[in-house]
Each structure stands twice: as structure tokens, then as C-alpha cells.
Protein backbone atom coordinates (compact mmCIF):
# COMPACT_ATOMS: atom_id res chain seq x y z
CA MET A 1 -9.18 -10.00 8.65
CA LEU A 2 -5.78 -11.61 8.09
CA ASN A 3 -5.28 -12.34 11.78
CA LYS A 4 -8.34 -14.59 11.60
CA VAL A 5 -6.81 -16.75 8.84
CA SER A 6 -4.47 -19.54 9.93
CA THR A 7 -0.92 -19.45 8.58
CA ARG A 8 -0.58 -23.24 8.88
CA ALA A 9 -1.98 -26.34 7.21
CA PRO A 10 -5.07 -27.98 8.71
CA LYS A 11 -4.20 -30.93 10.92
CA THR A 12 -5.95 -33.23 8.44
CA PHE A 13 -3.17 -32.65 5.90
CA ASP A 14 -0.37 -35.20 5.95
CA LYS A 15 2.98 -33.73 4.89
CA LYS A 16 4.29 -36.79 3.04
CA GLU A 17 1.03 -37.42 1.23
CA THR A 18 0.68 -33.75 0.28
CA LYS A 19 4.22 -33.67 -1.15
CA GLU A 20 3.39 -36.73 -3.28
CA LYS A 21 0.25 -35.01 -4.57
CA LEU A 22 2.31 -31.90 -5.32
CA GLN A 23 4.65 -33.86 -7.57
CA GLN A 24 1.70 -35.20 -9.55
CA ILE A 25 0.29 -31.69 -9.94
CA LEU A 26 3.66 -30.34 -11.11
CA GLU A 27 3.76 -32.93 -13.87
CA GLU A 28 0.32 -31.74 -14.99
CA ILE A 29 1.43 -28.11 -14.92
CA THR A 30 4.44 -28.94 -17.11
CA SER A 31 2.18 -30.51 -19.74
CA LEU A 32 -0.39 -27.73 -19.54
CA GLN A 33 2.28 -25.05 -19.91
CA ASN A 34 3.51 -26.73 -23.08
CA LEU A 35 -0.04 -26.68 -24.39
CA LEU A 36 -0.45 -23.01 -23.42
CA TYR A 37 2.74 -22.14 -25.30
CA ALA A 38 1.79 -24.17 -28.38
CA GLU A 39 -1.77 -22.85 -28.67
CA GLY A 40 -0.76 -19.23 -28.12
CA LYS A 41 -4.24 -17.94 -27.31
CA HIS A 42 -3.99 -17.26 -23.57
CA SER A 43 -1.44 -16.00 -21.08
CA LEU A 44 -1.15 -16.37 -17.32
CA LEU A 45 0.03 -13.66 -14.94
CA ILE A 46 0.86 -14.77 -11.41
CA VAL A 47 1.23 -12.04 -8.81
CA ILE A 48 3.09 -13.07 -5.66
CA GLN A 49 3.01 -10.74 -2.66
CA GLY A 50 4.03 -11.26 0.94
CA MET A 51 6.18 -9.97 3.74
CA ASP A 52 9.95 -10.49 3.77
CA ALA A 53 10.80 -14.18 4.35
CA SER A 54 7.30 -15.34 3.40
CA GLY A 55 8.87 -17.66 0.82
CA LYS A 56 8.29 -15.98 -2.53
CA ASP A 57 11.58 -17.12 -4.07
CA GLY A 58 11.20 -20.65 -2.74
CA LEU A 59 7.66 -20.90 -4.06
CA ILE A 60 8.78 -19.96 -7.57
CA LYS A 61 11.52 -22.59 -7.43
CA ASP A 62 9.28 -25.32 -6.01
CA VAL A 63 6.34 -24.89 -8.38
CA PHE A 64 7.85 -23.64 -11.63
CA ALA A 65 11.36 -25.13 -11.86
CA SER A 66 10.31 -27.89 -14.27
CA ILE A 67 8.56 -25.60 -16.76
CA ASN A 68 10.14 -25.06 -20.18
CA PRO A 69 12.13 -21.83 -19.67
CA MET A 70 11.06 -20.60 -23.12
CA GLY A 71 7.49 -20.30 -21.83
CA ILE A 72 7.99 -18.52 -18.52
CA GLN A 73 9.37 -15.22 -17.26
CA VAL A 74 9.98 -13.89 -13.75
CA HIS A 75 10.07 -10.20 -12.89
CA SER A 76 11.01 -8.75 -9.51
CA PHE A 77 10.09 -5.13 -8.89
CA LYS A 78 12.48 -3.26 -6.63
CA ALA A 79 12.65 0.50 -5.98
CA PRO A 80 11.81 2.40 -9.19
CA THR A 81 14.71 3.63 -11.31
CA GLU A 82 15.13 7.27 -12.29
CA GLU A 83 13.62 6.51 -15.70
CA GLU A 84 10.65 4.65 -14.19
CA LEU A 85 9.89 7.53 -11.83
CA LYS A 86 9.40 9.78 -14.87
CA HIS A 87 6.42 7.67 -15.93
CA ASP A 88 3.14 6.65 -14.30
CA PHE A 89 3.53 3.92 -11.67
CA LEU A 90 2.14 1.19 -13.95
CA TRP A 91 4.48 1.92 -16.87
CA ARG A 92 7.21 -0.44 -15.70
CA ILE A 93 4.62 -3.08 -14.86
CA HIS A 94 2.69 -3.05 -18.12
CA LYS A 95 5.72 -3.70 -20.30
CA CYS A 96 6.44 -6.88 -18.29
CA THR A 97 3.00 -8.47 -18.64
CA PRO A 98 2.86 -11.78 -20.53
CA GLU A 99 2.27 -12.16 -24.22
CA LYS A 100 -0.08 -14.90 -25.36
CA GLY A 101 1.35 -18.34 -24.74
CA MET A 102 3.45 -17.23 -21.77
CA ILE A 103 3.38 -17.53 -17.99
CA THR A 104 4.77 -14.50 -16.17
CA LEU A 105 5.50 -14.35 -12.46
CA PHE A 106 5.65 -11.07 -10.55
CA ASN A 107 7.81 -11.48 -7.44
CA ARG A 108 6.35 -8.38 -5.79
CA SER A 109 4.37 -6.19 -8.13
CA HIS A 110 2.33 -3.04 -8.74
CA TYR A 111 0.86 -3.58 -5.26
CA GLU A 112 4.08 -2.28 -3.72
CA ASP A 113 2.91 1.15 -4.88
CA ILE A 114 0.02 1.08 -2.41
CA LEU A 115 1.83 -0.84 0.34
CA ILE A 116 5.40 0.19 1.12
CA THR A 117 4.77 3.69 -0.21
CA ARG A 118 2.24 4.34 2.55
CA VAL A 119 4.14 2.49 5.26
CA HIS A 120 7.01 4.90 4.67
CA GLY A 121 4.86 7.96 3.97
CA TRP A 122 5.94 8.33 0.32
CA ALA A 123 2.28 8.40 -0.76
CA ASP A 124 -0.86 9.40 1.10
CA ASP A 125 -4.29 7.76 1.17
CA ASN A 126 -5.60 9.97 -1.65
CA ILE A 127 -2.83 8.87 -3.99
CA ALA A 128 -3.35 5.25 -2.91
CA SER A 129 -7.08 5.52 -3.64
CA GLU A 130 -6.35 6.70 -7.18
CA ARG A 131 -3.83 3.91 -7.65
CA ILE A 132 -6.27 1.27 -6.37
CA LYS A 133 -8.76 2.35 -9.04
CA ALA A 134 -6.02 2.28 -11.69
CA ILE A 135 -4.90 -1.20 -10.61
CA ASN A 136 -8.42 -2.61 -10.92
CA GLU A 137 -8.80 -1.08 -14.38
CA PHE A 138 -5.33 -2.28 -15.42
CA GLU A 139 -6.00 -5.88 -14.38
CA GLY A 140 -9.40 -5.74 -16.07
CA LEU A 141 -7.76 -4.52 -19.26
CA LEU A 142 -5.31 -7.41 -19.29
CA GLN A 143 -8.05 -9.92 -18.66
CA LYS A 144 -10.63 -8.61 -21.13
CA HIS A 145 -8.44 -7.52 -24.01
CA ASN A 146 -5.48 -9.89 -24.02
CA ASN A 147 -6.85 -13.16 -22.65
CA THR A 148 -4.51 -12.76 -19.67
CA HIS A 149 -5.67 -14.86 -16.74
CA ILE A 150 -4.50 -13.48 -13.42
CA LEU A 151 -3.78 -15.32 -10.19
CA LYS A 152 -2.95 -13.19 -7.15
CA PHE A 153 -1.35 -14.83 -4.13
CA TYR A 154 -0.75 -13.30 -0.73
CA LEU A 155 1.71 -15.53 1.15
CA HIS A 156 0.30 -15.44 4.66
CA ILE A 157 3.08 -15.94 7.19
CA SER A 158 2.88 -15.34 10.95
CA HIS A 159 5.02 -12.63 12.51
CA GLU A 160 6.67 -15.22 14.74
CA GLU A 161 7.63 -17.40 11.78
CA GLN A 162 8.97 -14.37 9.91
CA LYS A 163 11.23 -13.41 12.83
CA GLU A 164 12.53 -16.98 13.03
CA ARG A 165 13.36 -17.05 9.31
CA LEU A 166 15.03 -13.64 9.41
CA ASN A 167 17.18 -14.74 12.34
CA GLU A 168 18.11 -17.93 10.48
CA ARG A 169 19.69 -15.80 7.76
CA MET A 170 22.33 -14.70 10.24
CA VAL A 171 23.47 -18.24 11.13
CA ASN A 172 22.67 -20.49 8.15
CA LEU A 173 25.52 -20.27 5.62
CA GLU A 174 23.23 -21.12 2.71
CA LYS A 175 20.86 -18.28 3.58
CA MET A 176 23.28 -15.57 4.70
CA TRP A 177 23.27 -14.03 1.23
CA LYS A 178 19.63 -13.06 1.83
CA TYR A 179 20.44 -11.17 5.02
CA ASN A 180 19.52 -7.49 5.00
CA LYS A 181 19.41 -5.54 8.23
CA ASN A 182 16.59 -3.42 6.82
CA ASP A 183 14.34 -6.49 6.83
CA PHE A 184 14.26 -6.30 10.62
CA LEU A 185 13.25 -2.64 10.46
CA GLU A 186 10.44 -3.51 8.06
CA SER A 187 9.37 -6.36 10.34
CA GLY A 188 8.92 -3.78 13.11
CA LYS A 189 6.24 -2.13 10.96
CA TRP A 190 4.24 -5.37 10.80
CA ASP A 191 0.90 -3.96 11.98
CA LEU A 192 1.03 -1.13 9.46
CA TYR A 193 1.83 -3.53 6.63
CA MET A 194 -1.08 -5.75 7.66
CA LYS A 195 -3.41 -2.75 7.59
CA TYR A 196 -2.48 -1.88 4.02
CA TYR A 197 -2.39 -5.48 2.85
CA GLU A 198 -5.92 -5.97 4.14
CA GLU A 199 -7.04 -2.87 2.27
CA ALA A 200 -5.37 -4.06 -0.94
CA ILE A 201 -7.02 -7.47 -0.66
CA GLU A 202 -10.42 -5.90 0.03
CA LYS A 203 -10.39 -3.10 -2.56
CA CYS A 204 -8.42 -4.73 -5.37
CA ASN A 205 -10.62 -7.79 -5.50
CA ASP A 206 -12.30 -7.54 -8.92
CA ILE A 207 -9.89 -10.36 -9.68
CA PRO A 208 -9.85 -12.17 -6.31
CA TRP A 209 -6.87 -12.72 -4.07
CA HIS A 210 -5.88 -16.13 -2.75
CA ILE A 211 -4.59 -16.01 0.82
CA ILE A 212 -2.03 -18.82 1.09
CA PRO A 213 -1.01 -20.10 4.56
CA SER A 214 2.78 -20.02 4.31
CA ASP A 215 4.37 -21.06 7.61
CA GLN A 216 4.94 -24.50 6.08
CA ASN A 217 6.52 -24.40 2.64
CA TRP A 218 5.21 -27.79 1.53
CA TYR A 219 1.61 -26.72 2.12
CA LYS A 220 2.12 -23.30 0.51
CA SER A 221 3.55 -24.85 -2.67
CA TYR A 222 0.79 -27.44 -2.82
CA LEU A 223 -1.99 -24.83 -2.64
CA VAL A 224 -0.44 -22.57 -5.26
CA ALA A 225 0.33 -25.45 -7.63
CA GLU A 226 -3.22 -26.72 -7.35
CA LEU A 227 -4.66 -23.32 -8.27
CA VAL A 228 -2.26 -22.90 -11.19
CA ARG A 229 -3.11 -26.38 -12.49
CA ASP A 230 -6.86 -25.80 -12.19
CA THR A 231 -6.64 -22.40 -13.90
CA LEU A 232 -4.77 -23.83 -16.87
CA LYS A 233 -7.07 -26.85 -17.18
CA ALA A 234 -10.12 -24.59 -17.26
CA LEU A 235 -8.87 -22.94 -20.46
CA ASN A 236 -9.79 -26.06 -22.46
CA MET A 237 -6.76 -25.61 -24.70
CA GLN A 238 -6.05 -27.62 -27.84
CA TYR A 239 -2.86 -28.27 -29.75
CA PRO A 240 -3.04 -26.49 -33.12
CA PRO A 241 -3.14 -28.68 -36.24
CA ILE A 242 -0.44 -28.83 -38.91
CA LYS A 243 -0.40 -25.69 -41.03
CA ASN A 244 -0.81 -26.30 -44.75
């Protein structure tokens, strides 16, 4: 499935023109986020998944840097702590979901528990099947009972582009801090990751995934910003009146 989706922008997209459109969209997002925060009736959860070097950190910076920091939170889920392992796998996730009025970004998420866990054999298909069901119910709960609107992005990068970016981390001074030799080991498991990503996209699709071509950062940011803007506009929010 994923190998049939291009990782690059269509040739009809002009880079300069698209970047100009992106800036206009970002201005709209800034205004809409202020309205979201003021009204306090909805929240937005943005799930960002992708292979190492797919541009998750850069996306967050490009699209959300201008938002009022009081109205946005970013959570990055690494290996579970000892305390987290004593709870169900969604415990650490649930307490980070957004309250009404907030935008929350997950830089990696609960989906790691059905991806990397199987790549490394820490969980089998039976456990993953149970977790897939729990994830669908969890996302449905957030949506139905807390007015949490969920956007799920898979940053779709080619294996060739990933290798190039990982190699750049060894020579580019500004990116050396990101270097981790384990990233190359994980890259060697590419086909297995693709298998489990495809399953996650197919089976955890009650709230649909957006597959974002990510070989070109300007196009990736444009697509995500457009979807965020459209989602917020569709809420038909209003500023609350003066309280007597």
C-alpha cells in the first residue's frame, strides 16, 4: 500500500508559490488557535508518526512555531518508564491528551506500542490485535466525550531519502546532535516497519490517517498546515461574549 504512494510533491506544485500559500495558512491557524483557546469548547489532538528522519521535529517547528504557547503542548513518547510499565499501555498517553481549548501534538504516540514492539519481538500479533481494538475505542472516547478532534499524520518518506538524511547527521554540524547509531539499525528493518505501519493505517482507521509525502519538507508542511486549518475552521467557533 505505502509503496504505491509517492513520497514527493506532484510536479504541478511550485515550491515558491506553495511556501507563500503556507505562510498565509499559518496566519489563519494562529487566529483560529486563539479562537479555540478563547471559546474553550473543543480540543485538537495531532498525532505525528513516521520513520526516523521523516521530519517530525521540523514539521512541528514549521507549522506551529507562531502559535501562542499557552494554547499548545507537545509530548514525545520514548521508551516507557518503570512506573509507566506498571500500568496499561494507554495510561501514559491518556493523561497527556488535550483539555478543551488546547492543541496537543504527539511526536510519536500510542502507535509505537503496535509498531516497534512487534519489530523487536516485545509483543506478538495477539497482543497487538488487542491493542488495536483498545486504540480505536480510546480515540473514539476522546472524540465523542470530550470534543477532541483528532488528526493523524503518517510522514511518508522514501528509504533512500531517509538514508541520505541519516548520513547527513554525521557531517552537518547543526544536525550532529541528532545522530544515533541505532537509527541505522532501525533503518535496516525498513520492510518490517512498513508492514506494521500499513496494518496500523488499515486497522486503526475509524479516525482516518493522512499519508503525507515527506521527501520535501516544504510540501509536507503545506499539506499538514492545510489540514489543520481546515479542521479548525470547520468547528464554526465563536468568541464568547462579556460575562456579566
